[in-house]
Amino acid sequence: MDENRRGARRADAFRIGALLPGEGAAEIDCLVWDQSETGAQIEVEVAETVPDEFTLSMTAYAKPRRCKVAWRRGRKLGVNFVA
């Protein structure tokens, strides 16, 4: 049985987002599977292109969040929001 080590309960999000790696780097499209106040689970086409830190933009209405990758499993990544 898997142990839930998350600090906050995640809710289904299932929305399109974009990773903003930084200055001069191309935006990377993603699917946000779920999110909480402390992080999210995302999926990208090619996980190897995702840096360890980036800004995640989820909707036009939400403020972009700075993220740090917590885990990688194939195309899915778990990220923690950083202040």
N, C-alpha and C. Protein backbone atom coordinates (compact mmCIF):
# COMPACT_ATOMS: atom_id res chain seq x y z
N MET A 1 0.85 -1.19 0.00
CA MET A 1 0.00 0.00 0.00
C MET A 1 0.88 1.24 0.00
N ASP A 2 0.59 2.17 -0.89
CA ASP A 2 1.37 3.41 -0.97
C ASP A 2 1.03 4.34 0.17
N GLU A 3 2.06 4.96 0.72
CA GLU A 3 1.87 5.92 1.79
C GLU A 3 1.78 7.32 1.19
N ASN A 4 0.80 8.09 1.60
CA ASN A 4 0.65 9.46 1.11
C ASN A 4 1.55 10.38 1.93
N ARG A 5 2.59 10.92 1.31
CA ARG A 5 3.53 11.78 2.01
C ARG A 5 3.29 13.25 1.72
N ARG A 6 2.18 13.58 1.12
CA ARG A 6 1.88 14.96 0.78
C ARG A 6 1.52 15.75 2.03
N GLY A 7 1.88 17.03 2.01
CA GLY A 7 1.56 17.89 3.13
C GLY A 7 0.15 18.45 3.07
N ALA A 8 -0.47 18.38 1.89
CA ALA A 8 -1.82 18.91 1.71
C ALA A 8 -2.59 18.01 0.75
N ARG A 9 -3.89 17.93 0.93
CA ARG A 9 -4.73 17.10 0.08
C ARG A 9 -4.82 17.71 -1.32
N ARG A 10 -4.65 16.87 -2.34
CA ARG A 10 -4.72 17.35 -3.72
C ARG A 10 -6.10 17.12 -4.30
N ALA A 11 -6.53 18.04 -5.13
CA ALA A 11 -7.81 17.96 -5.81
C ALA A 11 -7.56 17.80 -7.30
N ASP A 12 -8.44 17.04 -7.97
CA ASP A 12 -8.31 16.90 -9.42
C ASP A 12 -8.34 18.26 -10.08
N ALA A 13 -7.46 18.45 -11.05
CA ALA A 13 -7.41 19.72 -11.77
C ALA A 13 -7.72 19.50 -13.24
N PHE A 14 -7.06 18.55 -13.87
CA PHE A 14 -7.19 18.18 -15.26
C PHE A 14 -7.36 19.41 -16.15
N ARG A 15 -6.29 20.19 -16.22
CA ARG A 15 -6.29 21.38 -17.07
C ARG A 15 -4.95 21.52 -17.79
N ILE A 16 -4.99 22.26 -18.86
CA ILE A 16 -3.79 22.52 -19.65
C ILE A 16 -2.98 23.61 -18.96
N GLY A 17 -1.68 23.43 -18.95
CA GLY A 17 -0.79 24.43 -18.36
C GLY A 17 0.44 24.59 -19.22
N ALA A 18 1.36 25.38 -18.73
CA ALA A 18 2.62 25.61 -19.44
C ALA A 18 3.74 25.81 -18.44
N LEU A 19 4.88 25.21 -18.73
CA LEU A 19 6.08 25.40 -17.91
C LEU A 19 6.90 26.50 -18.56
N LEU A 20 7.32 27.43 -17.75
CA LEU A 20 8.14 28.54 -18.22
C LEU A 20 9.53 28.34 -17.62
N PRO A 21 10.44 27.67 -18.36
CA PRO A 21 11.74 27.30 -17.80
C PRO A 21 12.64 28.47 -17.42
N GLY A 22 12.55 29.57 -18.10
CA GLY A 22 13.41 30.70 -17.78
C GLY A 22 13.75 31.49 -19.02
N GLU A 23 14.58 32.46 -18.82
CA GLU A 23 14.95 33.38 -19.88
C GLU A 23 15.52 32.66 -21.10
N GLY A 24 14.95 32.94 -22.26
CA GLY A 24 15.45 32.38 -23.51
C GLY A 24 15.02 30.96 -23.81
N ALA A 25 14.43 30.25 -22.86
CA ALA A 25 14.00 28.87 -23.07
C ALA A 25 12.55 28.83 -23.56
N ALA A 26 12.25 27.86 -24.40
CA ALA A 26 10.90 27.72 -24.95
C ALA A 26 9.92 27.21 -23.89
N GLU A 27 8.70 27.68 -23.96
CA GLU A 27 7.61 27.24 -23.10
C GLU A 27 7.33 25.76 -23.38
N ILE A 28 7.00 24.99 -22.33
CA ILE A 28 6.70 23.56 -22.47
C ILE A 28 5.25 23.34 -22.06
N ASP A 29 4.43 22.81 -22.97
CA ASP A 29 3.03 22.51 -22.65
C ASP A 29 2.96 21.35 -21.68
N CYS A 30 1.93 21.36 -20.81
CA CYS A 30 1.75 20.27 -19.87
C CYS A 30 0.27 20.08 -19.56
N LEU A 31 -0.03 18.97 -18.91
CA LEU A 31 -1.36 18.69 -18.39
C LEU A 31 -1.22 18.62 -16.88
N VAL A 32 -2.01 19.40 -16.16
CA VAL A 32 -1.99 19.39 -14.71
C VAL A 32 -3.06 18.40 -14.25
N TRP A 33 -2.64 17.27 -13.68
CA TRP A 33 -3.57 16.23 -13.26
C TRP A 33 -4.27 16.60 -11.96
N ASP A 34 -3.49 17.04 -10.99
CA ASP A 34 -4.07 17.45 -9.71
C ASP A 34 -3.18 18.48 -9.06
N GLN A 35 -3.73 19.17 -8.07
CA GLN A 35 -2.95 20.21 -7.40
C GLN A 35 -3.47 20.41 -5.98
N SER A 36 -2.62 21.01 -5.17
CA SER A 36 -2.97 21.39 -3.80
C SER A 36 -2.36 22.76 -3.55
N GLU A 37 -2.40 23.20 -2.33
CA GLU A 37 -1.78 24.48 -2.00
C GLU A 37 -0.26 24.39 -2.01
N THR A 38 0.27 23.15 -1.91
CA THR A 38 1.72 22.99 -1.81
C THR A 38 2.38 22.43 -3.06
N GLY A 39 1.59 21.90 -4.02
CA GLY A 39 2.21 21.32 -5.21
C GLY A 39 1.20 20.79 -6.20
N ALA A 40 1.72 20.07 -7.20
CA ALA A 40 0.87 19.55 -8.27
C ALA A 40 1.52 18.33 -8.91
N GLN A 41 0.71 17.58 -9.65
CA GLN A 41 1.20 16.49 -10.47
C GLN A 41 0.93 16.89 -11.92
N ILE A 42 1.99 16.88 -12.72
CA ILE A 42 1.85 17.31 -14.11
C ILE A 42 2.36 16.22 -15.05
N GLU A 43 1.97 16.33 -16.31
CA GLU A 43 2.47 15.41 -17.33
C GLU A 43 2.92 16.23 -18.54
N VAL A 44 4.06 15.85 -19.08
CA VAL A 44 4.62 16.54 -20.25
C VAL A 44 4.90 15.50 -21.35
N GLU A 45 5.10 15.98 -22.55
CA GLU A 45 5.39 15.08 -23.68
C GLU A 45 6.76 14.42 -23.52
N VAL A 46 7.79 15.24 -23.18
CA VAL A 46 9.15 14.72 -23.03
C VAL A 46 9.70 15.22 -21.69
N ALA A 47 9.69 14.35 -20.69
CA ALA A 47 10.09 14.76 -19.34
C ALA A 47 11.54 15.20 -19.25
N GLU A 48 12.39 14.67 -20.11
CA GLU A 48 13.81 15.01 -20.06
C GLU A 48 14.07 16.48 -20.37
N THR A 49 13.12 17.16 -20.99
CA THR A 49 13.31 18.57 -21.34
C THR A 49 12.94 19.51 -20.19
N VAL A 50 12.39 18.96 -19.10
CA VAL A 50 11.93 19.78 -17.98
C VAL A 50 13.07 20.00 -16.99
N PRO A 51 13.41 21.26 -16.71
CA PRO A 51 14.46 21.54 -15.72
C PRO A 51 13.96 21.25 -14.30
N ASP A 52 14.86 21.23 -13.34
CA ASP A 52 14.49 20.95 -11.95
C ASP A 52 13.68 22.08 -11.32
N GLU A 53 13.79 23.29 -11.84
CA GLU A 53 13.01 24.42 -11.34
C GLU A 53 12.45 25.20 -12.52
N PHE A 54 11.22 25.68 -12.38
CA PHE A 54 10.55 26.42 -13.44
C PHE A 54 9.34 27.14 -12.87
N THR A 55 8.66 27.92 -13.69
CA THR A 55 7.41 28.57 -13.31
C THR A 55 6.29 27.85 -14.03
N LEU A 56 5.21 27.52 -13.30
CA LEU A 56 4.06 26.82 -13.85
C LEU A 56 2.90 27.79 -13.99
N SER A 57 2.39 27.90 -15.21
CA SER A 57 1.23 28.73 -15.49
C SER A 57 0.07 27.78 -15.79
N MET A 58 -1.00 27.84 -14.98
CA MET A 58 -2.09 26.88 -15.14
C MET A 58 -3.31 27.44 -15.85
N THR A 59 -3.64 28.69 -15.64
CA THR A 59 -4.77 29.32 -16.32
C THR A 59 -4.48 30.80 -16.47
N ALA A 60 -5.27 31.43 -17.29
CA ALA A 60 -5.12 32.88 -17.46
C ALA A 60 -5.54 33.63 -16.20
N TYR A 61 -6.31 32.97 -15.33
CA TYR A 61 -6.85 33.63 -14.14
C TYR A 61 -6.02 33.42 -12.88
N ALA A 62 -5.15 32.40 -12.90
CA ALA A 62 -4.33 32.10 -11.72
C ALA A 62 -2.93 32.66 -11.89
N LYS A 63 -2.37 33.11 -10.80
CA LYS A 63 -1.00 33.63 -10.80
C LYS A 63 -0.03 32.47 -11.04
N PRO A 64 0.94 32.64 -11.94
CA PRO A 64 1.95 31.59 -12.16
C PRO A 64 2.68 31.27 -10.86
N ARG A 65 3.05 30.00 -10.67
CA ARG A 65 3.70 29.55 -9.44
C ARG A 65 5.09 29.02 -9.74
N ARG A 66 6.05 29.40 -8.93
CA ARG A 66 7.42 28.88 -9.03
C ARG A 66 7.40 27.46 -8.49
N CYS A 67 8.06 26.51 -9.19
CA CYS A 67 8.04 25.10 -8.82
C CYS A 67 9.43 24.49 -8.77
N LYS A 68 9.52 23.42 -7.98
CA LYS A 68 10.72 22.60 -7.92
C LYS A 68 10.26 21.15 -8.05
N VAL A 69 10.91 20.37 -8.93
CA VAL A 69 10.53 18.98 -9.15
C VAL A 69 10.85 18.15 -7.91
N ALA A 70 9.83 17.41 -7.42
CA ALA A 70 10.01 16.54 -6.26
C ALA A 70 10.27 15.09 -6.70
N TRP A 71 9.64 14.67 -7.79
CA TRP A 71 9.83 13.31 -8.32
C TRP A 71 9.51 13.28 -9.81
N ARG A 72 10.04 12.26 -10.49
CA ARG A 72 9.80 12.04 -11.92
C ARG A 72 9.51 10.56 -12.13
N ARG A 73 8.42 10.27 -12.85
CA ARG A 73 8.05 8.90 -13.21
C ARG A 73 7.57 8.91 -14.65
N GLY A 74 8.47 8.60 -15.57
CA GLY A 74 8.13 8.66 -16.99
C GLY A 74 7.80 10.09 -17.38
N ARG A 75 6.61 10.28 -17.95
CA ARG A 75 6.19 11.61 -18.40
C ARG A 75 5.54 12.43 -17.28
N LYS A 76 5.28 11.81 -16.13
CA LYS A 76 4.63 12.52 -15.02
C LYS A 76 5.70 13.03 -14.03
N LEU A 77 5.40 14.21 -13.47
CA LEU A 77 6.29 14.82 -12.48
C LEU A 77 5.46 15.34 -11.32
N GLY A 78 6.00 15.22 -10.12
CA GLY A 78 5.41 15.85 -8.96
C GLY A 78 6.22 17.09 -8.66
N VAL A 79 5.55 18.21 -8.43
CA VAL A 79 6.27 19.44 -8.17
C VAL A 79 5.79 20.07 -6.86
N ASN A 80 6.71 20.73 -6.18
CA ASN A 80 6.39 21.50 -4.98
C ASN A 80 6.40 22.97 -5.36
N PHE A 81 5.43 23.72 -4.87
CA PHE A 81 5.43 25.17 -5.09
C PHE A 81 6.42 25.79 -4.11
N VAL A 82 7.23 26.71 -4.59
CA VAL A 82 8.20 27.39 -3.73
C VAL A 82 7.82 28.87 -3.65
N ALA A 83 8.21 29.47 -2.53
CA ALA A 83 7.87 30.87 -2.32
C ALA A 83 8.75 31.80 -3.10
